[in-house]
Protein backbone atom coordinates (compact mmCIF):
# COMPACT_ATOMS: atom_id res chain seq x y z
CA UNK A 1 22.03 -18.15 -1.83
CA UNK A 2 19.08 -20.37 -0.30
CA UNK A 3 20.16 -24.05 0.04
CA UNK A 4 17.60 -26.10 -1.97
CA UNK A 5 19.08 -29.39 -1.40
CA UNK A 6 16.86 -30.41 1.56
CA UNK A 7 13.61 -28.86 -0.03
CA UNK A 8 12.83 -27.14 3.25
CA UNK A 9 13.66 -24.05 5.21
CA UNK A 10 13.84 -23.18 8.95
CA UNK A 11 13.73 -19.49 9.23
CA UNK A 12 15.27 -19.12 13.00
CA UNK A 13 17.15 -21.80 15.05
CA UNK A 14 14.33 -21.40 17.86
CA UNK A 15 11.72 -22.67 15.29
CA UNK A 16 9.89 -25.91 15.91
CA UNK A 17 8.13 -26.04 12.64
CA UNK A 18 9.78 -25.82 9.13
CA UNK A 19 8.57 -24.43 5.72
CA UNK A 20 8.32 -26.79 2.47
CA UNK A 21 9.89 -25.07 -0.30
CA UNK A 22 8.80 -27.70 -2.61
CA UNK A 23 6.10 -30.33 -2.71
CA UNK A 24 7.04 -33.24 0.00
CA UNK A 25 5.47 -36.52 -0.41
CA UNK A 26 4.11 -38.75 2.28
CA UNK A 27 7.55 -41.18 3.36
CA UNK A 28 10.24 -38.31 1.90
CA UNK A 29 12.82 -37.81 4.47
CA UNK A 30 14.49 -34.39 5.14
CA UNK A 31 17.10 -33.50 7.48
CA UNK A 32 17.39 -30.86 9.91
CA UNK A 33 20.23 -30.47 12.77
CA UNK A 34 21.63 -33.71 11.33
CA UNK A 35 18.26 -35.61 12.28
CA UNK A 36 16.18 -36.96 9.64
CA UNK A 37 12.47 -36.52 9.38
CA UNK A 38 10.06 -38.70 7.87
CA UNK A 39 7.17 -36.60 6.02
CA UNK A 40 4.01 -38.30 7.36
CA UNK A 41 1.46 -37.00 4.63
CA UNK A 42 1.74 -34.73 1.53
CA UNK A 43 2.96 -31.11 2.38
CA UNK A 44 2.64 -28.81 -0.59
CA UNK A 45 5.27 -26.06 -0.87
CA UNK A 46 4.66 -23.05 1.30
CA UNK A 47 2.99 -25.31 3.90
CA UNK A 48 4.33 -26.07 7.53
CA UNK A 49 5.47 -28.92 9.01
CA UNK A 50 6.83 -30.12 12.95
CA UNK A 51 10.40 -30.50 13.04
CA UNK A 52 10.11 -32.70 16.19
CA UNK A 53 7.35 -34.35 18.13
CA UNK A 54 5.15 -31.50 19.55
CA UNK A 55 2.71 -32.05 22.54
CA UNK A 56 -0.78 -30.75 22.71
CA UNK A 57 -0.58 -26.76 23.94
CA UNK A 58 2.67 -26.31 22.89
CA UNK A 59 3.63 -22.90 21.30
CA UNK A 60 4.18 -23.12 17.37
CA UNK A 61 7.47 -21.23 16.88
CA UNK A 62 8.17 -19.57 13.69
CA UNK A 63 10.61 -16.65 12.77
CA UNK A 64 11.58 -17.40 16.15
CA UNK A 65 8.43 -16.37 17.87
CA UNK A 66 5.14 -17.63 18.99
CA UNK A 67 2.61 -17.81 16.04
CA UNK A 68 0.10 -20.18 17.31
CA UNK A 69 -0.66 -22.85 19.94
CA UNK A 70 -1.18 -26.54 19.16
CA UNK A 71 -4.68 -28.10 19.79
CA UNK A 72 -3.17 -31.90 19.23
CA UNK A 73 0.05 -33.77 19.82
CA UNK A 74 2.07 -33.75 16.73
CA UNK A 75 4.48 -36.20 15.14
CA UNK A 76 7.74 -35.18 13.60
CA UNK A 77 7.13 -34.61 10.03
CA UNK A 78 3.13 -33.93 10.46
CA UNK A 79 1.60 -30.98 8.26
CA UNK A 80 -0.06 -28.28 10.39
CA UNK A 81 -3.41 -27.17 9.28
CA UNK A 82 -5.76 -24.37 10.77
CA UNK A 83 -7.70 -27.11 12.39
CA UNK A 84 -4.78 -28.43 14.37
CA UNK A 85 -3.67 -24.98 15.83
CA UNK A 86 -5.04 -21.89 17.40
CA UNK A 87 -3.73 -18.46 16.87
CA UNK A 88 -1.54 -17.31 19.83
CA UNK A 89 0.70 -14.10 20.07
CA UNK A 90 3.78 -13.37 22.64
CA UNK A 91 3.46 -11.34 25.49
CA UNK A 92 4.95 -7.95 25.44
CA UNK A 93 6.18 -5.10 27.75
CA UNK A 94 6.48 -1.37 27.10
CA UNK A 95 9.82 -1.13 29.16
CA UNK A 96 11.65 -3.33 26.56
CA UNK A 97 12.83 -0.38 24.36
CA UNK A 98 16.67 -1.23 23.91
CA UNK A 99 17.62 -1.34 20.06
CA UNK A 100 20.67 -0.68 17.95
CA UNK A 101 20.80 -0.61 14.40
CA UNK A 102 22.86 0.08 11.42
CA UNK A 103 21.59 0.54 7.59
CA UNK A 104 22.94 -1.96 5.29
CA UNK A 105 24.89 -0.86 2.38
CA UNK A 106 23.42 -0.62 -1.25
CA UNK A 107 25.15 -1.52 -4.23
CA UNK A 108 27.63 1.33 -5.43
CA UNK A 109 25.95 1.19 -9.12
CA UNK A 110 22.56 2.17 -7.10
CA UNK A 111 21.58 5.53 -8.66
CA UNK A 112 21.74 8.25 -5.75
CA UNK A 113 18.84 10.64 -7.29
CA UNK A 114 15.78 10.27 -9.30
CA UNK A 115 14.07 12.65 -11.47
CA UNK A 116 10.75 14.16 -10.02
CA UNK A 117 8.46 17.16 -9.86
CA UNK A 118 9.62 19.87 -6.91
CA UNK A 119 6.98 21.40 -4.85
CA UNK A 120 7.23 24.83 -3.13
CA UNK A 121 7.41 23.02 0.26
CA UNK A 122 10.19 20.86 -0.41
CA UNK A 123 8.36 17.65 -1.37
CA UNK A 124 9.03 16.00 -4.63
CA UNK A 125 6.52 14.20 -6.53
CA UNK A 126 7.04 10.99 -8.65
CA UNK A 127 3.85 11.99 -10.73
CA UNK A 128 2.46 15.16 -11.51
CA UNK A 129 -1.24 14.74 -10.99
CA UNK A 130 -4.22 17.00 -11.22
CA UNK A 131 -7.00 15.34 -8.89
CA UNK A 132 -10.74 15.89 -9.53
CA UNK A 133 -12.80 14.19 -6.51
CA UNK A 134 -16.07 15.16 -4.71
CA UNK A 135 -16.51 15.58 -0.94
CA UNK A 136 -19.58 13.57 -1.00
CA UNK A 137 -21.02 10.61 -2.92
CA UNK A 138 -23.77 12.79 -4.16
CA UNK A 139 -21.38 14.28 -6.56
CA UNK A 140 -20.44 11.03 -8.38
CA UNK A 141 -22.39 11.60 -11.22
CA UNK A 142 -20.99 14.96 -12.11
CA UNK A 143 -17.58 13.41 -11.43
CA UNK A 144 -18.32 10.85 -14.25
CA UNK A 145 -19.70 13.31 -16.66
CA UNK A 146 -16.81 15.62 -16.36
CA UNK A 147 -14.57 12.80 -16.44
CA UNK A 148 -16.02 11.23 -19.87
CA UNK A 149 -15.92 14.97 -21.40
CA UNK A 150 -12.34 15.83 -20.43
CA UNK A 151 -10.77 12.63 -21.15
CA UNK A 152 -12.48 12.43 -24.48
CA UNK A 153 -11.39 16.27 -25.12
CA UNK A 154 -7.57 15.27 -24.10
CA UNK A 155 -7.76 12.05 -26.29
CA UNK A 156 -7.77 9.64 -23.53
CA UNK A 157 -11.02 7.73 -23.94
CA UNK A 158 -14.20 7.78 -26.30
CA UNK A 159 -17.09 9.58 -24.75
CA UNK A 160 -19.49 12.00 -26.06
CA UNK A 161 -21.31 13.79 -23.53
CA UNK A 162 -20.23 17.46 -22.71
CA UNK A 163 -16.90 16.57 -25.03
CA UNK A 164 -17.64 19.20 -27.63
CA UNK A 165 -17.45 21.95 -25.30
CA UNK A 166 -14.48 20.57 -23.32
CA UNK A 167 -12.41 19.94 -26.66
CA UNK A 168 -13.23 23.29 -27.79
CA UNK A 169 -11.91 24.94 -24.83
CA UNK A 170 -8.61 22.77 -24.97
CA UNK A 171 -8.02 23.14 -28.69
CA UNK A 172 -9.07 26.94 -28.30
CA UNK A 173 -11.46 26.73 -31.44
CA UNK A 174 -14.97 27.58 -32.13
CA UNK A 175 -17.74 25.19 -30.80
CA UNK A 176 -17.66 22.38 -33.68
CA UNK A 177 -20.81 21.38 -35.56
CA UNK A 178 -22.10 17.82 -34.79
CA UNK A 179 -20.70 17.04 -38.38
CA UNK A 180 -17.27 18.25 -37.74
CA UNK A 181 -16.81 17.08 -33.92
CA UNK A 182 -15.23 13.70 -34.81
CA UNK A 183 -12.52 15.21 -37.27
CA UNK A 184 -10.84 17.33 -34.33
CA UNK A 185 -7.63 16.49 -33.49
CA UNK A 186 -6.40 16.76 -30.00
CA UNK A 187 -3.11 17.83 -28.20
CA UNK A 188 -2.25 15.48 -25.74
CA UNK A 189 -0.99 16.22 -21.93
CA UNK A 190 2.82 15.42 -21.61
CA UNK A 191 3.81 16.63 -18.02
CA UNK A 192 0.50 16.31 -16.24
CA UNK A 193 -1.78 13.55 -15.49
CA UNK A 194 -5.70 13.96 -14.97
CA UNK A 195 -6.90 11.51 -12.32
CA UNK A 196 -10.88 11.33 -11.17
CA UNK A 197 -12.00 9.98 -7.75
CA UNK A 198 -15.38 8.69 -6.84
CA UNK A 199 -16.64 7.22 -3.58
CA UNK A 200 -19.09 6.32 -1.06
CA UNK A 201 -18.74 8.50 1.91
CA UNK A 202 -19.07 12.11 2.93
CA UNK A 203 -22.47 12.10 4.27
CA UNK A 204 -24.85 9.74 6.28
CA UNK A 205 -22.35 8.46 8.61
CA UNK A 206 -20.96 9.89 11.88
CA UNK A 207 -18.94 13.24 12.10
CA UNK A 208 -15.70 11.51 12.99
CA UNK A 209 -16.30 9.83 9.68
CA UNK A 210 -16.65 12.96 7.59
CA UNK A 211 -13.67 14.77 9.45
CA UNK A 212 -11.77 11.56 8.92
CA UNK A 213 -12.37 11.59 5.18
CA UNK A 214 -11.41 15.26 5.04
CA UNK A 215 -8.07 14.34 6.85
CA UNK A 216 -7.53 11.66 4.25
CA UNK A 217 -8.21 14.01 1.11
CA UNK A 218 -6.06 16.69 2.77
CA UNK A 219 -3.30 14.29 2.62
CA UNK A 220 -3.94 13.55 -0.91
CA UNK A 221 -3.77 17.18 -1.72
CA UNK A 222 -0.49 17.43 0.21
CA UNK A 223 0.92 14.68 -1.50
CA UNK A 224 4.05 15.56 -3.66
CA UNK A 225 2.55 13.82 -6.61
CA UNK A 226 -0.30 15.86 -6.71
CA UNK A 227 0.01 19.33 -8.42
CA UNK A 228 -3.60 20.61 -7.55
CA UNK A 229 -7.36 19.57 -7.46
CA UNK A 230 -10.73 20.32 -8.61
CA UNK A 231 -13.20 19.85 -5.53
CA UNK A 232 -16.61 19.28 -6.17
CA UNK A 233 -19.34 19.88 -3.16
CA UNK A 234 -22.82 19.29 -2.86
CA UNK A 235 -23.16 21.84 -0.19
CA UNK A 236 -25.10 20.39 2.48
CA UNK A 237 -23.14 17.31 3.44
CA UNK A 238 -21.42 16.35 6.53
CA UNK A 239 -18.03 16.49 4.87
CA UNK A 240 -18.12 20.52 4.43
CA UNK A 241 -15.43 22.48 2.49
CA UNK A 242 -14.44 24.14 5.80
CA UNK A 243 -13.45 20.65 7.32
CA UNK A 244 -11.30 20.12 4.22
CA UNK A 245 -9.77 23.54 4.72
CA UNK A 246 -9.09 22.92 8.36
CA UNK A 247 -7.49 19.35 7.86
CA UNK A 248 -5.25 21.21 4.93
CA UNK A 249 -3.95 23.65 7.56
CA UNK A 250 -3.23 20.74 9.93
CA UNK A 251 -1.50 18.84 7.60
CA UNK A 252 0.43 21.51 5.75
CA UNK A 253 0.14 25.51 7.23
CA UNK A 254 1.84 26.62 3.94
CA UNK A 255 -0.31 24.43 1.54
CA UNK A 256 -0.26 26.58 -1.68
CA UNK A 257 -1.31 24.46 -4.56
CA UNK A 258 -3.89 25.73 -6.83
CA UNK A 259 -7.31 24.36 -5.49
CA UNK A 260 -10.78 24.97 -7.58
CA UNK A 261 -13.78 24.44 -5.21
CA UNK A 262 -17.30 23.96 -6.82
CA UNK A 263 -20.55 24.05 -5.04
CA UNK A 264 -23.61 22.26 -6.64
CA UNK A 265 -26.18 23.83 -4.56
CA UNK A 266 -24.92 27.44 -4.93
CA UNK A 267 -24.51 27.28 -8.79
CA UNK A 268 -28.12 25.72 -9.16
CA UNK A 269 -27.80 25.53 -12.85
CA UNK A 270 -26.42 21.91 -13.40
CA UNK A 271 -25.23 22.59 -17.10
CA UNK A 272 -23.66 25.86 -16.15
CA UNK A 273 -22.01 24.14 -12.95
CA UNK A 274 -20.36 21.29 -15.30
CA UNK A 275 -19.36 23.73 -17.66
CA UNK A 276 -17.70 26.04 -15.16
CA UNK A 277 -15.71 22.89 -13.54
CA UNK A 278 -14.51 21.71 -17.16
CA UNK A 279 -13.20 25.33 -17.98
CA UNK A 280 -11.47 25.93 -14.58
CA UNK A 281 -9.77 22.44 -14.89
CA UNK A 282 -8.60 22.79 -18.22
CA UNK A 283 -7.28 26.22 -17.43
CA UNK A 284 -4.99 24.65 -14.85
CA UNK A 285 -3.98 21.50 -16.88
CA UNK A 286 -2.42 23.99 -19.47
CA UNK A 287 -0.51 26.08 -16.80
CA UNK A 288 0.94 22.70 -15.18
CA UNK A 289 1.63 20.85 -18.46
CA UNK A 290 4.94 23.17 -18.79
CA UNK A 291 6.51 21.56 -15.68
CA UNK A 292 9.45 19.40 -16.19
CA UNK A 293 11.16 16.50 -13.98
CA UNK A 294 14.21 17.61 -12.11
CA UNK A 295 17.02 15.62 -10.16
CA UNK A 296 16.12 15.16 -6.45
CA UNK A 297 18.04 12.72 -3.94
CA UNK A 298 16.58 9.54 -2.73
CA UNK A 299 15.67 11.16 0.62
CA UNK A 300 12.65 12.96 -1.13
CA UNK A 301 11.17 9.34 -1.85
CA UNK A 302 8.52 8.28 0.73
CA UNK A 303 7.60 4.73 -0.05
CA UNK A 304 4.25 3.06 1.00
CA UNK A 305 4.65 -0.69 1.93
CA UNK A 306 1.60 -2.97 1.36
CA UNK A 307 0.71 -6.71 0.92
CA UNK A 308 -2.40 -8.58 -0.37
CA UNK A 309 -2.99 -11.74 -1.35
CA UNK A 310 -0.23 -13.02 0.53
CA UNK A 311 1.02 -16.81 0.62
CA UNK A 312 3.43 -18.91 2.69
CA UNK A 313 6.62 -17.50 0.82
CA UNK A 314 5.60 -13.66 1.11
CA UNK A 315 7.49 -13.55 4.62
CA UNK A 316 10.14 -15.46 3.12
CA UNK A 317 10.96 -13.70 -0.11
CA UNK A 318 9.05 -10.63 -1.32
CA UNK A 319 8.50 -9.29 2.33
CA UNK A 320 12.06 -9.51 3.69
CA UNK A 321 13.36 -8.26 0.39
CA UNK A 322 11.41 -5.10 0.54
CA UNK A 323 12.42 -4.57 3.91
CA UNK A 324 16.01 -4.64 3.13
CA UNK A 325 15.39 -2.39 0.53
CA UNK A 326 13.51 -0.01 2.97
CA UNK A 327 16.60 -0.08 5.33
CA UNK A 328 18.85 1.08 2.35
CA UNK A 329 16.31 3.69 1.64
CA UNK A 330 16.35 4.80 5.04
CA UNK A 331 20.18 4.66 5.12
CA UNK A 332 19.63 7.66 2.57
CA UNK A 333 17.13 9.41 4.85
CA UNK A 334 14.19 8.30 2.93
CA UNK A 335 10.85 7.64 4.23
CA UNK A 336 8.91 4.21 4.64
CA UNK A 337 5.39 3.63 5.90
CA UNK A 338 4.27 0.47 7.15
CA UNK A 339 0.47 0.03 7.35
CA UNK A 340 -2.11 -2.86 8.21
CA UNK A 341 -2.46 -3.06 11.93
CA UNK A 342 -4.16 -6.15 11.89
CA UNK A 343 -1.12 -7.72 10.30
CA UNK A 344 1.23 -6.52 12.92
CA UNK A 345 -0.73 -8.19 15.74
CA UNK A 346 1.73 -10.42 17.52
CA UNK A 347 4.97 -8.60 16.60
CA UNK A 348 4.16 -5.93 19.28
CA UNK A 349 7.45 -7.11 21.22
CA UNK A 350 9.70 -6.40 18.42
CA UNK A 351 7.93 -3.12 17.42
CA UNK A 352 8.35 -1.71 20.81
CA UNK A 353 11.76 -2.36 20.79
CA UNK A 354 12.20 -0.31 17.78
CA UNK A 355 10.42 2.87 18.56
CA UNK A 356 12.82 5.53 19.09
CA UNK A 357 10.29 7.41 21.38
CA UNK A 358 8.63 5.73 24.41
CA UNK A 359 5.29 8.01 23.70
CA UNK A 360 4.98 6.21 20.25
CA UNK A 361 5.48 2.75 21.47
CA UNK A 362 2.39 3.49 24.03
CA UNK A 363 0.71 5.03 20.97
CA UNK A 364 1.18 1.99 18.86
CA UNK A 365 -0.01 -0.38 21.63
CA UNK A 366 -3.18 2.09 22.16
CA UNK A 367 -4.09 2.13 18.50
CA UNK A 368 -3.73 -1.44 18.14
CA UNK A 369 -5.97 -2.56 21.39
CA UNK A 370 -8.68 0.27 20.23
CA UNK A 371 -8.73 -1.36 16.98
CA UNK A 372 -9.12 -4.76 17.80
CA UNK A 373 -11.82 -3.86 20.79
CA UNK A 374 -13.80 -2.60 17.61
CA UNK A 375 -13.26 -5.55 15.89
CA UNK A 376 -14.31 -7.86 18.92
CA UNK A 377 -17.36 -5.94 19.52
CA UNK A 378 -18.77 -6.80 16.06
CA UNK A 379 -18.04 -10.65 16.75
CA UNK A 380 -14.65 -10.76 15.13
CA UNK A 381 -11.03 -10.01 15.73
CA UNK A 382 -7.46 -9.89 14.45
CA UNK A 383 -7.54 -13.68 14.47
CA UNK A 384 -9.83 -13.74 11.70
CA UNK A 385 -7.70 -11.46 9.48
CA UNK A 386 -6.16 -14.27 7.50
CA UNK A 387 -8.30 -14.70 4.29
CA UNK A 388 -9.44 -18.23 2.78
CA UNK A 389 -6.71 -17.64 -0.02
CA UNK A 390 -4.11 -16.80 2.75
CA UNK A 391 -5.06 -19.87 4.62
CA UNK A 392 -4.90 -22.33 1.51
CA UNK A 393 -1.48 -21.10 0.59
CA UNK A 394 0.21 -21.85 3.98
CA UNK A 395 -0.88 -18.83 6.39
CA UNK A 396 -2.84 -20.81 9.10
CA UNK A 397 -2.72 -18.00 11.93
CA UNK A 398 -2.99 -14.36 12.10
CA UNK A 399 0.20 -14.37 13.85
CA UNK A 400 2.23 -16.34 11.13
CA UNK A 401 0.80 -13.71 8.66
CA UNK A 402 1.84 -10.76 10.87
CA UNK A 403 5.31 -12.19 11.46
CA UNK A 404 5.92 -12.46 7.93
CA UNK A 405 4.11 -9.03 6.96
CA UNK A 406 6.01 -7.16 9.42
CA UNK A 407 9.23 -7.97 7.47
CA UNK A 408 8.06 -5.67 5.05
CA UNK A 409 9.35 -2.84 7.23
CA UNK A 410 12.77 -3.91 7.49
CA UNK A 411 14.87 -3.67 10.77
CA UNK A 412 15.00 0.23 10.86
CA UNK A 413 14.00 2.25 14.16
CA UNK A 414 10.41 3.44 14.09
CA UNK A 415 10.50 7.04 14.25
CA UNK A 416 6.60 7.78 14.33
CA UNK A 417 3.29 6.16 14.76
CA UNK A 418 0.51 7.75 13.02
CA UNK A 419 -3.53 7.14 13.09
CA UNK A 420 -5.39 6.89 10.05
CA UNK A 421 -5.33 9.98 7.86
CA UNK A 422 -2.01 11.57 9.51
CA UNK A 423 0.81 12.82 7.27
CA UNK A 424 4.25 11.21 7.04
CA UNK A 425 6.72 13.95 7.83
CA UNK A 426 9.47 11.94 9.90
CA UNK A 427 12.43 10.59 7.81
CA UNK A 428 12.81 7.06 8.48
CA UNK A 429 10.08 4.37 9.09
CA UNK A 430 6.52 5.20 10.32
CA UNK A 431 3.78 2.98 11.05
CA UNK A 432 0.24 3.55 10.02
CA UNK A 433 -2.65 2.32 11.50
CA UNK A 434 -5.02 1.01 8.54
CA UNK A 435 -7.11 -1.95 7.96
CA UNK A 436 -5.50 -5.26 6.28
CA UNK A 437 -7.73 -4.52 3.21
CA UNK A 438 -5.48 -4.01 0.17
CA UNK A 439 -7.38 -1.17 -1.46
CA UNK A 440 -8.21 0.48 1.90
CA UNK A 441 -4.74 0.50 3.15
CA UNK A 442 -3.31 1.44 -0.21
CA UNK A 443 -5.50 4.49 -0.20
CA UNK A 444 -4.63 5.45 3.26
CA UNK A 445 -0.81 5.18 2.53
CA UNK A 446 -0.97 7.87 -0.67
CA UNK A 447 -3.14 10.02 2.07
CA UNK A 448 -0.02 9.88 4.40
CA UNK A 449 2.13 11.25 1.63
CA UNK A 450 3.52 8.28 0.19
CA UNK A 451 4.68 9.20 -3.39
CA UNK A 452 4.98 5.34 -4.56
CA UNK A 453 3.76 2.10 -2.95
CA UNK A 454 5.33 -1.29 -3.11
CA UNK A 455 2.86 -4.14 -2.92
CA UNK A 456 3.93 -7.53 -2.13
CA UNK A 457 1.75 -10.40 -3.22
CA UNK A 458 1.88 -14.37 -3.38
CA UNK A 459 -1.83 -14.70 -5.06
CA UNK A 460 -1.82 -11.84 -7.35
CA UNK A 461 -3.82 -8.67 -7.00
CA UNK A 462 -4.30 -5.73 -9.85
CA UNK A 463 -4.60 -3.01 -7.21
CA UNK A 464 -3.45 0.30 -8.18
CA UNK A 465 -3.83 4.06 -6.80
CA UNK A 466 -5.17 7.20 -8.42
CA UNK A 467 -2.07 9.43 -7.37
CA UNK A 468 0.93 7.02 -6.33
CA UNK A 469 2.16 4.43 -8.71
CA UNK A 470 2.16 0.79 -6.80
CA UNK A 471 4.82 -1.63 -7.86
CA UNK A 472 3.57 -5.16 -7.68
CA UNK A 473 5.99 -7.71 -6.40
CA UNK A 474 5.63 -11.40 -6.70
CA UNK A 475 6.67 -13.78 -3.92
CA UNK A 476 7.22 -16.77 -6.16
CA UNK A 477 7.82 -17.32 -9.71
CA UNK A 478 4.75 -19.32 -10.68
CA UNK A 479 2.40 -16.45 -10.07
CA UNK A 480 4.88 -14.11 -11.44
CA UNK A 481 5.00 -15.84 -14.76
CA UNK A 482 1.08 -16.61 -14.81
CA UNK A 483 -0.10 -13.06 -13.82
CA UNK A 484 2.49 -11.19 -15.82
CA UNK A 485 0.35 -8.33 -16.80
CA UNK A 486 0.07 -7.41 -13.28
CA UNK A 487 3.32 -7.94 -11.73
CA UNK A 488 6.12 -5.82 -11.77
CA UNK A 489 9.11 -7.58 -9.98
CA UNK A 490 9.58 -11.13 -9.28
CA UNK A 491 11.00 -12.18 -5.54
CA UNK A 492 10.61 -15.69 -6.41
CA UNK A 493 14.04 -15.86 -7.49
CA UNK A 494 15.08 -15.94 -3.79
CA UNK A 495 12.92 -19.29 -3.51
CA UNK A 496 14.80 -20.52 -6.28
CA UNK A 497 18.32 -19.62 -5.19
CA UNK A 498 19.04 -17.39 -8.32
CA UNK A 499 18.89 -14.67 -5.68
CA UNK A 500 19.46 -13.66 -2.04
CA UNK A 501 17.90 -10.63 -0.17
CA UNK A 502 20.76 -8.31 -0.79
CA UNK A 503 21.01 -8.63 -4.52
CA UNK A 504 17.12 -8.86 -5.19
CA UNK A 505 16.63 -5.72 -2.84
CA UNK A 506 19.46 -3.74 -4.87
CA UNK A 507 17.31 -4.84 -8.13
CA UNK A 508 14.06 -3.66 -6.45
CA UNK A 509 15.53 -0.16 -5.36
CA UNK A 510 16.90 0.34 -9.18
CA UNK A 511 13.11 -0.53 -10.26
CA UNK A 512 11.82 2.09 -7.60
CA UNK A 513 14.07 4.86 -9.17
CA UNK A 514 13.31 3.87 -12.49
CA UNK A 515 9.29 4.07 -11.75
CA UNK A 516 9.90 7.21 -9.69
CA UNK A 517 11.60 9.04 -12.30
CA UNK A 518 8.71 8.35 -14.96
CA UNK A 519 11.17 5.89 -16.81
CA UNK A 520 8.97 2.84 -16.08
CA UNK A 521 5.30 2.82 -15.78
CA UNK A 522 3.88 0.10 -13.51
CA UNK A 523 1.72 -2.35 -14.71
CA UNK A 524 -1.51 -0.77 -12.78
CA UNK A 525 -0.72 2.65 -14.32
CA UNK A 526 -0.64 0.84 -18.00
CA UNK A 527 -3.95 -0.88 -17.12
CA UNK A 528 -5.49 2.40 -15.71
CA UNK A 529 -5.98 0.42 -12.34
CA UNK A 530 -6.74 3.64 -9.75
CA UNK A 531 -8.52 2.03 -6.88
CA UNK A 532 -9.81 4.26 -4.19
CA UNK A 533 -11.53 2.95 -0.87
CA UNK A 534 -11.59 5.43 2.21
CA UNK A 535 -11.66 3.49 5.72
CA UNK A 536 -15.20 3.90 7.44
CA UNK A 537 -14.60 3.36 10.83
CA UNK A 538 -18.15 4.25 12.25
CA UNK A 539 -21.55 3.22 11.41
CA UNK A 540 -24.42 4.81 8.83
CA UNK A 541 -26.85 7.18 10.72
């Protein structure tokens, strides 16, 4: 349990700054290392203050590492602001690779299996999704038309255009008259879900962006949660069907899921084109709706690790709790994928130590440096990663944010380092190069095979994904209660002392198994929140 009697927390004996667990007022006295510290001004919960007199130029140490440098002399008990520190990270070396690790033991009551959809390649899905997506934004309108018609026919929503045609096919009845249309009953899907994706890429940019998008979508098709897909192509775009097929062969040479491909320019007749899409897709839905969940070991779970709207408690409660849960999952030979490279800046030294393969350590550094070079080339950099909300809630440097964010990945060895769009095949922990942007990163995690995503947040976000359920974890109880409609799990009990990391991580694993088995739907699923934004690295041409 966390000791609340002093109202502060010091995360590592090396630290020279403390964290206010509750609001501290000017003149309050706190004790650290048997020394009384007088608070110099109001320090809201989550914010940091000097534990001793710190001179200008001194490193700001938190989590036992440098997370900034002081611009001014600081008195004991003085609050730290963005204006008083500058971002600074620790030096690192590729030669420092010694690392020993042992998986923590989960509770004996934790289920050892989940109920999932078994695929022919050995993967197991937590959902059974038929995906409909375009290779280029020009087909977004077609997607919307097909979506409205099919969702209406299947009783998912209330749209009229093309719905009579879709409903007659689904119900296997003659085409109804306009008068009879509203009286038809619908038979709902029970074992397969229908998801539609639109986007704003596929053409007009560089060829590498088109290749990257096709690689991302190949990952979506190979994701164990996806049973098959309908793919729409205009015909002339950069993201050609052939590029998608090549990416599929690279991702999985034995890919054998049903894949329906329709090309608008070859069809010519838009009405016939849309009807053929509807008819082919409904036929596949009927076939797939007979699938049933079967038991699978936890080793078949692939969990994407994400954070967004982080606060000063994220790195203290939600993130390390998730990290401990992932260490336990890795102990079962499961997979965890840690993304958001801008939020790993400053943690290179610890990550390099954890890389099993020296080549992965080199690749990690190469990807990080290339990413930051691109950011600096447009007048920014990783130092600009913290958002106004992050800063307001106590994360005043990028290195401080990173030191807390990396804890989502636990302490297990790094078995693979992946670039954007690459698929996670290795058991254990993989690193995935993505932006820190919530939706872009979550989109990438699903494309790398995550069949479930755990998303920690301190400020709240409704983000979901079209194919992978997203479990939202709150770092603090206030937000969990205030935004109960989007939060699935409250880690604020760690701050209040009701839980510790071990007990809370066991409860989180139990929720993960329940969601994976389809026994619990996430709040994002219940809200119909299915966000999808591919990362566009290059420029438009």
